[in-house]
Amino acid sequence: MQRLRISHRQSNNLLGGLVIIVALYALLMPFLPMLTFWVRSINPEVQASMSRLITSEDGVVEGNRLIIPNILVDEEIVTGDSLSVINDGGVWLRPASAQPDEAGNIILAGHRFTYNQPSGPLYHLDKVAVGDEIGLHWEGEMRRYEVVDRMTVTEDSLGIEQQTGENKLTIYTCTPLLTAENRLVIIAEEVL
C-alpha cells in the first residue's frame, strides 16, 4: 500500500493559505452588509412596498414583525428570557417591555453584527433619522410609529428601558460597529 506523503513545504503552504482565507473572512465580513444593502436599495420599489405595508390596510404581513422601510428591515419579533433567542435572526422583545398591544414602552433589541449573522437586522440602524416611519405588526394588527429621537448611551444605561404611560417604541443595538461598548437607541412615538 502506498502512503500519501506531504512535505513540510506543502503543509506550510496549505496552512498559510488557510490563515489568509480566515483573515480575509474576518476583515471583509463586517462590510458585506453594506454591499448587500446597496444592491437592495438600488430598486426604490423595495422601500416603497415596505412603506405601503405600514400605511395601507390591505398589506399582507405574517407573524409579529418590525418594519423599518428606510433601512429595508422586515424582521420577526421574537420573545424569550435571554438575548440568545435572536442568535438565528429577528429582534428581541425584551421581557421588561410593554406588549405591543398595551400602553407603555415597547423595547426591542437586536444584533447589528456577529460573525455568524453578519447582516444583523439592525446593522443599518445608524441610518434611521428623526421623522422616519416604523411599523410594528403584532397579533394581526399594524401599528405605526414615527422616530422622534436617536441617541447613543453607555451599555449600562437602563433608563431607556423604563416604563411610561405613553405609547412609545424603543429600539436599540450595539455601537460602534463591531463592538458592544455603547448602545444606539431609536425612540419612536405611535402615530394614531
N, C-alpha and C. Protein backbone atom coordinates (compact mmCIF):
# COMPACT_ATOMS: atom_id res chain seq x y z
N MET A 1 0.82 -1.16 0.00
CA MET A 1 0.00 0.00 0.00
C MET A 1 0.88 1.24 0.00
N GLN A 2 0.53 2.18 -0.86
CA GLN A 2 1.33 3.38 -0.99
C GLN A 2 0.78 4.46 -0.06
N ARG A 3 1.66 5.11 0.69
CA ARG A 3 1.24 6.15 1.63
C ARG A 3 1.40 7.53 1.00
N LEU A 4 0.44 8.37 1.27
CA LEU A 4 0.48 9.74 0.80
C LEU A 4 1.43 10.52 1.70
N ARG A 5 2.39 11.15 1.09
CA ARG A 5 3.36 11.92 1.87
C ARG A 5 3.24 13.40 1.51
N ILE A 6 3.16 14.19 2.55
CA ILE A 6 3.09 15.64 2.35
C ILE A 6 4.35 16.23 2.95
N SER A 7 5.03 17.00 2.14
CA SER A 7 6.26 17.61 2.62
C SER A 7 5.94 18.78 3.55
N HIS A 8 6.98 19.22 4.26
CA HIS A 8 6.81 20.38 5.14
C HIS A 8 6.42 21.62 4.34
N ARG A 9 6.99 21.76 3.18
CA ARG A 9 6.69 22.91 2.34
C ARG A 9 5.21 22.90 1.94
N GLN A 10 4.69 21.74 1.55
CA GLN A 10 3.29 21.64 1.16
C GLN A 10 2.36 21.92 2.35
N SER A 11 2.69 21.39 3.50
CA SER A 11 1.84 21.64 4.67
C SER A 11 1.92 23.11 5.08
N ASN A 12 3.08 23.74 4.99
CA ASN A 12 3.20 25.16 5.29
C ASN A 12 2.38 26.00 4.30
N ASN A 13 2.42 25.64 3.02
CA ASN A 13 1.63 26.36 2.02
C ASN A 13 0.14 26.21 2.30
N LEU A 14 -0.28 25.01 2.67
CA LEU A 14 -1.68 24.75 2.98
C LEU A 14 -2.12 25.55 4.20
N LEU A 15 -1.33 25.52 5.26
CA LEU A 15 -1.66 26.28 6.46
C LEU A 15 -1.63 27.78 6.20
N GLY A 16 -0.67 28.24 5.44
CA GLY A 16 -0.59 29.66 5.09
C GLY A 16 -1.82 30.12 4.32
N GLY A 17 -2.25 29.30 3.36
CA GLY A 17 -3.46 29.62 2.60
C GLY A 17 -4.69 29.67 3.48
N LEU A 18 -4.77 28.73 4.41
CA LEU A 18 -5.89 28.69 5.34
C LEU A 18 -5.92 29.93 6.24
N VAL A 19 -4.77 30.35 6.71
CA VAL A 19 -4.68 31.56 7.55
C VAL A 19 -5.11 32.78 6.75
N ILE A 20 -4.71 32.87 5.51
CA ILE A 20 -5.10 34.01 4.66
C ILE A 20 -6.61 34.03 4.45
N ILE A 21 -7.21 32.88 4.20
CA ILE A 21 -8.66 32.81 4.00
C ILE A 21 -9.41 33.24 5.25
N VAL A 22 -8.99 32.74 6.40
CA VAL A 22 -9.64 33.12 7.66
C VAL A 22 -9.46 34.62 7.93
N ALA A 23 -8.28 35.15 7.66
CA ALA A 23 -8.04 36.58 7.88
C ALA A 23 -8.91 37.43 6.95
N LEU A 24 -9.03 37.04 5.69
CA LEU A 24 -9.89 37.78 4.75
C LEU A 24 -11.35 37.73 5.19
N TYR A 25 -11.78 36.57 5.66
CA TYR A 25 -13.15 36.44 6.17
C TYR A 25 -13.37 37.40 7.33
N ALA A 26 -12.45 37.41 8.28
CA ALA A 26 -12.58 38.25 9.47
C ALA A 26 -12.55 39.74 9.10
N LEU A 27 -11.77 40.10 8.09
CA LEU A 27 -11.65 41.51 7.70
C LEU A 27 -12.80 41.99 6.83
N LEU A 28 -13.30 41.13 5.93
CA LEU A 28 -14.29 41.56 4.95
C LEU A 28 -15.74 41.35 5.38
N MET A 29 -16.02 40.38 6.24
CA MET A 29 -17.41 40.08 6.62
C MET A 29 -18.14 41.28 7.23
N PRO A 30 -17.51 42.11 8.03
CA PRO A 30 -18.25 43.25 8.58
C PRO A 30 -18.76 44.23 7.51
N PHE A 31 -18.17 44.18 6.32
CA PHE A 31 -18.56 45.12 5.27
C PHE A 31 -19.51 44.52 4.24
N LEU A 32 -19.75 43.22 4.30
CA LEU A 32 -20.67 42.57 3.38
C LEU A 32 -22.08 43.15 3.49
N PRO A 33 -22.61 43.43 4.69
CA PRO A 33 -23.96 44.01 4.76
C PRO A 33 -24.08 45.36 4.05
N MET A 34 -23.01 46.13 4.01
CA MET A 34 -23.04 47.40 3.29
C MET A 34 -23.27 47.16 1.80
N LEU A 35 -22.60 46.17 1.27
CA LEU A 35 -22.74 45.83 -0.15
C LEU A 35 -24.14 45.31 -0.43
N THR A 36 -24.65 44.41 0.38
CA THR A 36 -25.98 43.86 0.14
C THR A 36 -27.06 44.94 0.30
N PHE A 37 -26.90 45.86 1.25
CA PHE A 37 -27.85 46.96 1.41
C PHE A 37 -27.84 47.84 0.17
N TRP A 38 -26.67 48.14 -0.34
CA TRP A 38 -26.56 48.97 -1.54
C TRP A 38 -27.26 48.30 -2.72
N VAL A 39 -27.05 47.00 -2.89
CA VAL A 39 -27.68 46.27 -4.00
C VAL A 39 -29.20 46.29 -3.85
N ARG A 40 -29.70 46.05 -2.63
CA ARG A 40 -31.15 46.04 -2.41
C ARG A 40 -31.75 47.43 -2.55
N SER A 41 -31.01 48.47 -2.19
CA SER A 41 -31.57 49.82 -2.21
C SER A 41 -31.54 50.45 -3.60
N ILE A 42 -30.90 49.80 -4.55
CA ILE A 42 -30.90 50.33 -5.92
C ILE A 42 -32.32 50.40 -6.46
N ASN A 43 -33.14 49.43 -6.09
CA ASN A 43 -34.53 49.39 -6.54
C ASN A 43 -35.40 50.13 -5.52
N PRO A 44 -35.87 51.35 -5.85
CA PRO A 44 -36.65 52.12 -4.89
C PRO A 44 -38.00 51.47 -4.56
N GLU A 45 -38.44 50.55 -5.39
CA GLU A 45 -39.72 49.88 -5.15
C GLU A 45 -39.69 49.03 -3.88
N VAL A 46 -38.52 48.53 -3.49
CA VAL A 46 -38.41 47.72 -2.28
C VAL A 46 -38.82 48.54 -1.06
N GLN A 47 -38.25 49.73 -0.93
CA GLN A 47 -38.58 50.60 0.20
C GLN A 47 -40.03 51.06 0.11
N ALA A 48 -40.50 51.39 -1.09
CA ALA A 48 -41.89 51.84 -1.26
C ALA A 48 -42.88 50.75 -0.88
N SER A 49 -42.59 49.50 -1.22
CA SER A 49 -43.51 48.42 -0.87
C SER A 49 -43.55 48.19 0.64
N MET A 50 -42.41 48.39 1.32
CA MET A 50 -42.39 48.26 2.77
C MET A 50 -43.21 49.39 3.41
N SER A 51 -43.11 50.58 2.88
CA SER A 51 -43.90 51.71 3.39
C SER A 51 -45.39 51.44 3.20
N ARG A 52 -45.76 50.85 2.06
CA ARG A 52 -47.18 50.54 1.83
C ARG A 52 -47.69 49.51 2.82
N LEU A 53 -46.82 48.57 3.25
CA LEU A 53 -47.24 47.59 4.26
C LEU A 53 -47.68 48.28 5.55
N ILE A 54 -46.99 49.37 5.89
CA ILE A 54 -47.28 50.08 7.14
C ILE A 54 -48.54 50.94 7.01
N THR A 55 -48.69 51.61 5.87
CA THR A 55 -49.75 52.61 5.75
C THR A 55 -51.06 52.08 5.18
N SER A 56 -51.04 50.99 4.44
CA SER A 56 -52.29 50.52 3.84
C SER A 56 -52.90 49.41 4.68
N GLU A 57 -54.19 49.29 4.59
CA GLU A 57 -54.87 48.26 5.36
C GLU A 57 -54.94 46.94 4.62
N ASP A 58 -54.58 46.93 3.35
CA ASP A 58 -54.66 45.69 2.59
C ASP A 58 -53.30 44.99 2.46
N GLY A 59 -52.27 45.50 3.16
CA GLY A 59 -50.96 44.85 3.13
C GLY A 59 -51.00 43.52 3.85
N VAL A 60 -50.32 42.53 3.31
CA VAL A 60 -50.30 41.21 3.91
C VAL A 60 -49.00 41.04 4.68
N VAL A 61 -49.11 40.93 5.99
CA VAL A 61 -47.95 40.74 6.86
C VAL A 61 -48.23 39.50 7.70
N GLU A 62 -47.29 38.59 7.73
CA GLU A 62 -47.46 37.36 8.50
C GLU A 62 -46.62 37.43 9.77
N GLY A 63 -47.21 37.05 10.90
CA GLY A 63 -46.47 36.98 12.15
C GLY A 63 -46.25 38.34 12.78
N ASN A 64 -45.50 38.35 13.85
CA ASN A 64 -45.14 39.57 14.56
C ASN A 64 -43.85 40.10 13.96
N ARG A 65 -43.89 41.35 13.44
CA ARG A 65 -42.75 41.85 12.67
C ARG A 65 -42.46 43.31 12.98
N LEU A 66 -41.17 43.66 12.83
CA LEU A 66 -40.70 45.04 12.88
C LEU A 66 -40.37 45.42 11.45
N ILE A 67 -40.92 46.55 10.99
CA ILE A 67 -40.69 47.01 9.61
C ILE A 67 -40.16 48.43 9.66
N ILE A 68 -38.95 48.62 9.11
CA ILE A 68 -38.34 49.96 9.02
C ILE A 68 -37.96 50.16 7.55
N PRO A 69 -38.84 50.79 6.76
CA PRO A 69 -38.59 50.92 5.32
C PRO A 69 -37.29 51.62 4.96
N ASN A 70 -36.91 52.66 5.71
CA ASN A 70 -35.71 53.44 5.38
C ASN A 70 -34.45 52.58 5.33
N ILE A 71 -34.38 51.54 6.16
CA ILE A 71 -33.18 50.68 6.16
C ILE A 71 -33.50 49.25 5.72
N LEU A 72 -34.66 49.08 5.06
CA LEU A 72 -35.07 47.81 4.47
C LEU A 72 -35.13 46.67 5.49
N VAL A 73 -35.65 46.97 6.67
CA VAL A 73 -35.79 45.96 7.72
C VAL A 73 -37.22 45.44 7.73
N ASP A 74 -37.35 44.14 7.65
CA ASP A 74 -38.61 43.43 7.84
C ASP A 74 -38.24 42.17 8.60
N GLU A 75 -38.26 42.26 9.93
CA GLU A 75 -37.74 41.20 10.79
C GLU A 75 -38.79 40.68 11.75
N GLU A 76 -38.68 39.40 12.05
CA GLU A 76 -39.55 38.76 13.03
C GLU A 76 -39.24 39.29 14.43
N ILE A 77 -40.29 39.49 15.22
CA ILE A 77 -40.13 39.86 16.62
C ILE A 77 -40.25 38.57 17.43
N VAL A 78 -39.21 38.26 18.20
CA VAL A 78 -39.22 37.03 18.99
C VAL A 78 -39.23 37.37 20.48
N THR A 79 -39.78 36.46 21.27
CA THR A 79 -39.84 36.66 22.71
C THR A 79 -39.04 35.57 23.39
N GLY A 80 -38.61 35.83 24.60
CA GLY A 80 -37.83 34.86 25.37
C GLY A 80 -37.16 35.55 26.54
N ASP A 81 -36.53 34.74 27.36
CA ASP A 81 -35.91 35.26 28.57
C ASP A 81 -34.50 35.81 28.38
N SER A 82 -33.85 35.47 27.26
CA SER A 82 -32.47 35.94 27.07
C SER A 82 -32.22 36.30 25.62
N LEU A 83 -31.16 37.04 25.42
CA LEU A 83 -30.77 37.51 24.10
C LEU A 83 -30.50 36.35 23.13
N SER A 84 -30.25 35.16 23.64
CA SER A 84 -29.94 34.03 22.78
C SER A 84 -31.08 33.67 21.84
N VAL A 85 -32.30 34.15 22.10
CA VAL A 85 -33.42 33.83 21.22
C VAL A 85 -33.25 34.44 19.83
N ILE A 86 -32.36 35.43 19.69
CA ILE A 86 -32.15 36.04 18.38
C ILE A 86 -30.84 35.61 17.73
N ASN A 87 -30.23 34.55 18.22
CA ASN A 87 -28.99 34.08 17.60
C ASN A 87 -29.19 33.65 16.16
N ASP A 88 -30.40 33.25 15.80
CA ASP A 88 -30.69 32.85 14.42
C ASP A 88 -31.45 33.92 13.65
N GLY A 89 -31.54 35.12 14.19
CA GLY A 89 -32.22 36.21 13.50
C GLY A 89 -33.38 36.76 14.31
N GLY A 90 -33.92 37.86 13.82
CA GLY A 90 -35.04 38.50 14.48
C GLY A 90 -34.60 39.57 15.46
N VAL A 91 -35.60 40.27 16.01
CA VAL A 91 -35.35 41.26 17.06
C VAL A 91 -36.08 40.78 18.31
N TRP A 92 -35.53 41.10 19.45
CA TRP A 92 -36.00 40.57 20.73
C TRP A 92 -36.90 41.57 21.43
N LEU A 93 -38.12 41.12 21.75
CA LEU A 93 -39.00 41.90 22.60
C LEU A 93 -38.55 41.65 24.03
N ARG A 94 -37.95 42.64 24.64
CA ARG A 94 -37.35 42.49 25.97
C ARG A 94 -38.41 42.09 27.00
N PRO A 95 -38.06 41.22 27.96
CA PRO A 95 -39.02 40.77 28.97
C PRO A 95 -39.63 41.91 29.79
N ALA A 96 -38.90 42.98 30.04
CA ALA A 96 -39.42 44.11 30.83
C ALA A 96 -40.28 45.04 29.99
N SER A 97 -40.43 44.73 28.73
CA SER A 97 -41.15 45.59 27.80
C SER A 97 -42.66 45.50 27.97
N ALA A 98 -43.32 46.59 27.56
CA ALA A 98 -44.77 46.52 27.40
C ALA A 98 -45.03 45.68 26.15
N GLN A 99 -46.13 44.98 26.14
CA GLN A 99 -46.52 44.25 24.93
C GLN A 99 -46.99 45.27 23.90
N PRO A 100 -46.79 45.00 22.62
CA PRO A 100 -47.20 45.97 21.60
C PRO A 100 -48.69 46.31 21.60
N ASP A 101 -49.53 45.49 22.21
CA ASP A 101 -50.96 45.81 22.26
C ASP A 101 -51.35 46.45 23.59
N GLU A 102 -50.35 46.89 24.37
CA GLU A 102 -50.57 47.57 25.65
C GLU A 102 -49.97 48.97 25.59
N ALA A 103 -50.40 49.82 26.52
CA ALA A 103 -49.77 51.13 26.65
C ALA A 103 -48.45 50.95 27.37
N GLY A 104 -47.45 51.71 26.97
CA GLY A 104 -46.14 51.66 27.62
C GLY A 104 -45.00 51.69 26.64
N ASN A 105 -43.83 51.45 27.15
CA ASN A 105 -42.59 51.47 26.36
C ASN A 105 -42.33 50.07 25.81
N ILE A 106 -42.47 49.93 24.51
CA ILE A 106 -42.17 48.67 23.83
C ILE A 106 -40.68 48.69 23.52
N ILE A 107 -39.95 47.69 24.01
CA ILE A 107 -38.49 47.69 23.89
C ILE A 107 -38.05 46.53 23.02
N LEU A 108 -37.38 46.86 21.92
CA LEU A 108 -36.85 45.85 21.01
C LEU A 108 -35.34 46.00 20.93
N ALA A 109 -34.63 44.88 20.96
CA ALA A 109 -33.17 44.88 20.83
C ALA A 109 -32.79 43.88 19.76
N GLY A 110 -31.69 44.15 19.08
CA GLY A 110 -31.24 43.22 18.05
C GLY A 110 -29.77 43.39 17.76
N HIS A 111 -29.25 42.38 17.09
CA HIS A 111 -27.84 42.41 16.71
C HIS A 111 -27.62 43.37 15.55
N ARG A 112 -26.47 43.98 15.59
CA ARG A 112 -26.03 44.80 14.47
C ARG A 112 -25.10 43.97 13.59
N PHE A 113 -24.20 43.23 14.25
CA PHE A 113 -23.26 42.39 13.52
C PHE A 113 -22.74 41.30 14.44
N THR A 114 -22.73 40.09 13.95
CA THR A 114 -22.00 38.98 14.56
C THR A 114 -21.42 38.19 13.40
N TYR A 115 -20.34 37.47 13.63
CA TYR A 115 -19.74 36.74 12.53
C TYR A 115 -20.62 35.60 12.02
N ASN A 116 -21.48 35.06 12.86
CA ASN A 116 -22.38 34.03 12.35
C ASN A 116 -23.69 34.64 11.85
N GLN A 117 -23.88 35.94 12.01
CA GLN A 117 -25.03 36.66 11.48
C GLN A 117 -24.53 38.05 11.03
N PRO A 118 -23.71 38.08 9.95
CA PRO A 118 -23.06 39.34 9.57
C PRO A 118 -24.04 40.47 9.26
N SER A 119 -25.13 40.14 8.63
CA SER A 119 -26.10 41.18 8.31
C SER A 119 -27.20 41.15 9.36
N GLY A 120 -26.84 41.58 10.56
CA GLY A 120 -27.81 41.61 11.64
C GLY A 120 -28.98 42.51 11.28
N PRO A 121 -30.15 42.27 11.84
CA PRO A 121 -31.33 43.04 11.46
C PRO A 121 -31.19 44.54 11.71
N LEU A 122 -30.35 44.93 12.67
CA LEU A 122 -30.22 46.35 12.98
C LEU A 122 -28.86 46.91 12.56
N TYR A 123 -28.23 46.27 11.57
CA TYR A 123 -26.91 46.70 11.09
C TYR A 123 -26.94 48.18 10.67
N HIS A 124 -27.99 48.60 10.00
CA HIS A 124 -28.06 49.97 9.47
C HIS A 124 -28.91 50.91 10.34
N LEU A 125 -29.10 50.57 11.61
CA LEU A 125 -29.93 51.41 12.48
C LEU A 125 -29.37 52.83 12.57
N ASP A 126 -28.08 53.01 12.35
CA ASP A 126 -27.49 54.35 12.40
C ASP A 126 -27.97 55.24 11.25
N LYS A 127 -28.63 54.67 10.24
CA LYS A 127 -29.16 55.44 9.12
C LYS A 127 -30.59 55.92 9.36
N VAL A 128 -31.21 55.48 10.45
CA VAL A 128 -32.57 55.91 10.77
C VAL A 128 -32.52 57.34 11.29
N ALA A 129 -33.42 58.18 10.79
CA ALA A 129 -33.43 59.60 11.14
C ALA A 129 -34.75 59.98 11.80
N VAL A 130 -34.73 61.09 12.52
CA VAL A 130 -35.95 61.63 13.11
C VAL A 130 -36.93 61.89 11.96
N GLY A 131 -38.16 61.45 12.16
CA GLY A 131 -39.20 61.60 11.13
C GLY A 131 -39.45 60.33 10.33
N ASP A 132 -38.53 59.38 10.38
CA ASP A 132 -38.72 58.11 9.65
C ASP A 132 -39.89 57.34 10.25
N GLU A 133 -40.54 56.54 9.40
CA GLU A 133 -41.65 55.73 9.89
C GLU A 133 -41.19 54.32 10.21
N ILE A 134 -41.88 53.74 11.19
CA ILE A 134 -41.60 52.37 11.61
C ILE A 134 -42.95 51.68 11.78
N GLY A 135 -43.02 50.45 11.33
CA GLY A 135 -44.24 49.66 11.52
C GLY A 135 -43.98 48.52 12.49
N LEU A 136 -44.97 48.25 13.31
CA LEU A 136 -44.89 47.15 14.26
C LEU A 136 -46.15 46.32 14.07
N HIS A 137 -45.99 45.16 13.46
CA HIS A 137 -47.13 44.27 13.23
C HIS A 137 -47.17 43.27 14.37
N TRP A 138 -48.29 43.28 15.11
CA TRP A 138 -48.40 42.41 16.28
C TRP A 138 -49.80 41.82 16.34
N GLU A 139 -49.86 40.50 16.41
CA GLU A 139 -51.13 39.79 16.55
C GLU A 139 -52.16 40.26 15.53
N GLY A 140 -51.72 40.39 14.27
CA GLY A 140 -52.64 40.73 13.18
C GLY A 140 -52.95 42.19 13.01
N GLU A 141 -52.36 43.06 13.80
CA GLU A 141 -52.64 44.48 13.72
C GLU A 141 -51.35 45.27 13.48
N MET A 142 -51.40 46.23 12.55
CA MET A 142 -50.25 47.08 12.25
C MET A 142 -50.34 48.37 13.06
N ARG A 143 -49.25 48.69 13.75
CA ARG A 143 -49.15 49.96 14.47
C ARG A 143 -48.06 50.78 13.79
N ARG A 144 -48.33 52.08 13.67
CA ARG A 144 -47.39 52.99 13.02
C ARG A 144 -46.72 53.87 14.06
N TYR A 145 -45.41 54.08 13.84
CA TYR A 145 -44.62 54.93 14.74
C TYR A 145 -43.80 55.89 13.90
N GLU A 146 -43.46 57.02 14.51
CA GLU A 146 -42.57 57.99 13.88
C GLU A 146 -41.39 58.24 14.81
N VAL A 147 -40.18 58.20 14.25
CA VAL A 147 -38.98 58.41 15.05
C VAL A 147 -38.93 59.85 15.53
N VAL A 148 -38.77 60.01 16.85
CA VAL A 148 -38.72 61.35 17.45
C VAL A 148 -37.36 61.66 18.06
N ASP A 149 -36.53 60.62 18.27
CA ASP A 149 -35.22 60.87 18.88
C ASP A 149 -34.29 59.71 18.57
N ARG A 150 -33.02 60.01 18.54
CA ARG A 150 -31.98 58.98 18.43
C ARG A 150 -30.81 59.44 19.27
N MET A 151 -30.20 58.47 19.95
CA MET A 151 -29.11 58.83 20.86
C MET A 151 -28.17 57.65 21.03
N THR A 152 -27.02 57.94 21.59
CA THR A 152 -26.07 56.90 21.97
C THR A 152 -25.91 56.97 23.48
N VAL A 153 -26.02 55.81 24.12
CA VAL A 153 -25.88 55.73 25.57
C VAL A 153 -24.86 54.64 25.90
N THR A 154 -24.39 54.64 27.13
CA THR A 154 -23.47 53.58 27.55
C THR A 154 -24.24 52.28 27.72
N GLU A 155 -23.51 51.19 27.73
CA GLU A 155 -24.15 49.87 27.80
C GLU A 155 -24.92 49.64 29.09
N ASP A 156 -24.60 50.36 30.13
CA ASP A 156 -25.28 50.16 31.41
C ASP A 156 -26.40 51.19 31.67
N SER A 157 -26.79 51.93 30.65
CA SER A 157 -27.87 52.92 30.79
C SER A 157 -29.22 52.22 30.73
N LEU A 158 -29.81 52.03 31.89
CA LEU A 158 -31.09 51.32 31.97
C LEU A 158 -32.29 52.24 31.78
N GLY A 159 -32.06 53.53 31.75
CA GLY A 159 -33.16 54.47 31.60
C GLY A 159 -33.95 54.30 30.32
N ILE A 160 -33.32 53.78 29.28
CA ILE A 160 -34.02 53.60 28.02
C ILE A 160 -35.09 52.52 28.10
N GLU A 161 -35.02 51.68 29.14
CA GLU A 161 -35.99 50.60 29.27
C GLU A 161 -37.07 50.90 30.31
N GLN A 162 -37.09 52.10 30.86
CA GLN A 162 -38.09 52.43 31.87
C GLN A 162 -39.47 52.46 31.24
N GLN A 163 -40.45 52.00 32.01
CA GLN A 163 -41.83 52.02 31.55
C GLN A 163 -42.45 53.38 31.81
N THR A 164 -43.28 53.78 30.87
CA THR A 164 -44.01 55.05 30.97
C THR A 164 -45.45 54.77 30.58
N GLY A 165 -46.31 55.72 30.80
CA GLY A 165 -47.71 55.56 30.41
C GLY A 165 -47.94 55.88 28.94
N GLU A 166 -46.94 56.43 28.30
CA GLU A 166 -47.11 56.82 26.90
C GLU A 166 -46.77 55.65 25.96
N ASN A 167 -47.41 55.67 24.80
CA ASN A 167 -47.15 54.63 23.81
C ASN A 167 -45.91 55.02 23.01
N LYS A 168 -44.82 54.35 23.31
CA LYS A 168 -43.60 54.63 22.55
C LYS A 168 -42.88 53.32 22.26
N LEU A 169 -41.99 53.40 21.31
CA LEU A 169 -41.20 52.26 20.86
C LEU A 169 -39.73 52.62 21.02
N THR A 170 -38.98 51.77 21.71
CA THR A 170 -37.55 51.96 21.88
C THR A 170 -36.84 50.79 21.21
N ILE A 171 -35.96 51.10 20.28
CA ILE A 171 -35.19 50.07 19.57
C ILE A 171 -33.72 50.38 19.82
N TYR A 172 -32.94 49.34 20.18
CA TYR A 172 -31.53 49.61 20.37
C TYR A 172 -30.66 48.44 19.93
N THR A 173 -29.39 48.79 19.65
CA THR A 173 -28.38 47.83 19.24
C THR A 173 -27.02 48.36 19.68
N CYS A 174 -26.02 47.52 19.53
CA CYS A 174 -24.66 47.92 19.92
C CYS A 174 -24.06 48.92 18.94
N THR A 175 -23.22 49.78 19.47
CA THR A 175 -22.49 50.73 18.64
C THR A 175 -21.20 51.10 19.35
N PRO A 176 -20.13 51.48 18.69
CA PRO A 176 -19.93 51.48 17.25
C PRO A 176 -19.89 50.06 16.69
N LEU A 177 -19.97 49.99 15.39
CA LEU A 177 -19.96 48.71 14.71
C LEU A 177 -18.77 47.87 15.16
N LEU A 178 -19.00 46.60 15.38
CA LEU A 178 -18.01 45.60 15.79
C LEU A 178 -17.65 45.64 17.27
N THR A 179 -18.38 46.46 18.05
CA THR A 179 -18.14 46.48 19.49
C THR A 179 -19.48 46.45 20.23
N ALA A 180 -19.43 46.19 21.51
CA ALA A 180 -20.62 46.27 22.36
C ALA A 180 -20.42 47.36 23.42
N GLU A 181 -19.61 48.34 23.09
CA GLU A 181 -19.23 49.39 24.03
C GLU A 181 -20.40 50.27 24.45
N ASN A 182 -21.24 50.69 23.48
CA ASN A 182 -22.36 51.59 23.74
C ASN A 182 -23.62 51.03 23.08
N ARG A 183 -24.73 51.77 23.22
CA ARG A 183 -25.98 51.40 22.59
C ARG A 183 -26.49 52.56 21.75
N LEU A 184 -26.85 52.25 20.51
CA LEU A 184 -27.51 53.20 19.62
C LEU A 184 -29.01 53.02 19.85
N VAL A 185 -29.70 54.07 20.22
CA VAL A 185 -31.10 53.99 20.62
C VAL A 185 -31.96 54.86 19.70
N ILE A 186 -33.07 54.27 19.25
CA ILE A 186 -34.06 54.97 18.46
C ILE A 186 -35.35 55.00 19.28
N ILE A 187 -35.93 56.19 19.44
CA ILE A 187 -37.20 56.34 20.15
C ILE A 187 -38.25 56.79 19.14
N ALA A 188 -39.38 56.10 19.12
CA ALA A 188 -40.47 56.46 18.20
C ALA A 188 -41.77 56.53 18.98
N GLU A 189 -42.64 57.43 18.54
CA GLU A 189 -43.95 57.57 19.16
C GLU A 189 -45.01 57.06 18.20
N GLU A 190 -46.08 56.50 18.79
CA GLU A 190 -47.14 55.94 17.97
C GLU A 190 -47.89 57.05 17.23
N VAL A 191 -48.19 56.80 15.96
CA VAL A 191 -48.97 57.70 15.14
C VAL A 191 -50.40 57.17 15.11
N LEU A 192 -51.31 57.95 15.62
CA LEU A 192 -52.71 57.49 15.69
C LEU A 192 -53.51 57.96 14.50
